[in-house]
Structure formats: C-alpha cells, structure tokens
Amino acid sequence: MMQFRVADAEKELIEKCAKKAGMSVSEYIRACMLMEMMIDGEPAALKIVGAALGQKMLGVLSRRVRPRLKEDEA
C-alpha cells in the first residue's frame, strides 16, 4: 500500500476527475501514473497496461462469443 499527502484542492480535483471517469480514486491515480510512465517509455508500465488490456479484451470477447454459442446450440 502507498500513502501520500495532497492539498485539499488537489484532493477535490482528483476525486472529481475519478468520479467523472467512473473510477475509484485509487484506480484513477494508478491509471494516471501508468499513463505518465508509458509516455516516458517505461517498459514495465507498457507491460502492466498491455496485460490489463489483454484481460479486458478476453472478457469482452468471451461475453460476445457466449451468446453466439448458445444460439448455435439451439
């Protein structure tokens, strides 16, 4: 776990942006930091994001394929 201090105005802005993005504050901060690291060309950040995207794509694909499989079985 990581903890850090922010000014009240920063806290409010982070919470507002996280809510707008539909994320928890933790998710939002991690996403922002990973994006910054990716822009800087950090290979480990690219690997983390790539793995996360791969998992999400597998989930999306499986949700799309399952209904079609059920239709084929009918």
Protein backbone atom coordinates (compact mmCIF):
# COMPACT_ATOMS: atom_id res chain seq x y z
CA MET A 1 0.00 0.00 0.00
CA MET A 2 1.12 3.55 -0.70
CA GLN A 3 0.03 6.67 1.09
CA PHE A 4 0.80 10.27 0.25
CA ARG A 5 -0.41 13.73 1.13
CA VAL A 6 -2.13 16.18 -1.19
CA ALA A 7 -3.52 19.66 -0.66
CA ASP A 8 -7.27 19.99 -0.17
CA ALA A 9 -7.71 21.49 -3.64
CA GLU A 10 -5.73 18.61 -5.20
CA LYS A 11 -7.83 16.06 -3.31
CA GLU A 12 -11.06 17.63 -4.54
CA LEU A 13 -9.81 17.70 -8.12
CA ILE A 14 -8.62 14.08 -8.01
CA GLU A 15 -11.94 12.93 -6.56
CA LYS A 16 -13.89 14.92 -9.16
CA CYS A 17 -11.85 13.52 -12.05
CA ALA A 18 -12.05 9.95 -10.72
CA LYS A 19 -15.82 10.20 -10.42
CA LYS A 20 -16.10 11.65 -13.93
CA ALA A 21 -14.03 8.73 -15.25
CA GLY A 22 -16.18 6.21 -13.36
CA MET A 23 -13.21 5.05 -11.30
CA SER A 24 -12.27 4.88 -7.65
CA VAL A 25 -9.62 7.36 -6.56
CA SER A 26 -7.08 4.52 -6.36
CA GLU A 27 -7.90 3.29 -9.86
CA TYR A 28 -7.72 6.83 -11.23
CA ILE A 29 -4.35 7.60 -9.66
CA ARG A 30 -2.89 4.28 -10.86
CA ALA A 31 -4.18 4.93 -14.38
CA CYS A 32 -2.71 8.43 -14.42
CA MET A 33 0.66 7.26 -13.15
CA LEU A 34 0.82 4.36 -15.60
CA MET A 35 -0.07 6.71 -18.46
CA GLU A 36 2.73 9.08 -17.45
CA MET A 37 5.18 6.18 -17.24
CA MET A 38 4.07 4.90 -20.65
CA ILE A 39 4.59 8.35 -22.17
CA ASP A 40 8.10 8.30 -20.70
CA GLY A 41 8.66 4.94 -22.40
CA GLU A 42 8.91 2.83 -19.24
CA PRO A 43 8.81 -0.80 -20.43
CA ALA A 44 7.38 -2.14 -17.16
CA ALA A 45 4.40 0.24 -17.43
CA LEU A 46 3.76 -0.88 -21.00
CA LYS A 47 3.80 -4.50 -19.83
CA ILE A 48 1.32 -3.79 -16.99
CA VAL A 49 -1.08 -1.91 -19.24
CA GLY A 50 -0.76 -4.49 -22.00
CA ALA A 51 -1.59 -7.31 -19.59
CA ALA A 52 -4.59 -5.40 -18.20
CA LEU A 53 -5.88 -4.66 -21.69
CA GLY A 54 -5.40 -8.27 -22.67
CA GLN A 55 -7.52 -9.44 -19.74
CA LYS A 56 -10.24 -6.91 -20.52
CA MET A 57 -10.29 -7.91 -24.19
CA LEU A 58 -10.62 -11.57 -23.24
CA GLY A 59 -13.61 -10.66 -21.07
CA VAL A 60 -15.23 -8.65 -23.86
CA LEU A 61 -14.66 -11.39 -26.41
CA SER A 62 -15.99 -14.12 -24.13
CA ARG A 63 -19.17 -12.10 -23.47
CA ARG A 64 -19.67 -11.73 -27.21
CA VAL A 65 -18.93 -15.35 -28.06
CA ARG A 66 -21.06 -16.98 -25.33
CA PRO A 67 -24.43 -15.76 -26.69
CA ARG A 68 -23.47 -16.94 -30.17
CA LEU A 69 -22.51 -20.35 -28.86
CA LYS A 70 -25.88 -20.64 -27.10
CA GLU A 71 -27.66 -19.67 -30.34
CA ASP A 72 -25.73 -22.34 -32.25
CA GLU A 73 -26.69 -24.97 -29.66
CA ALA A 74 -30.39 -24.14 -30.00
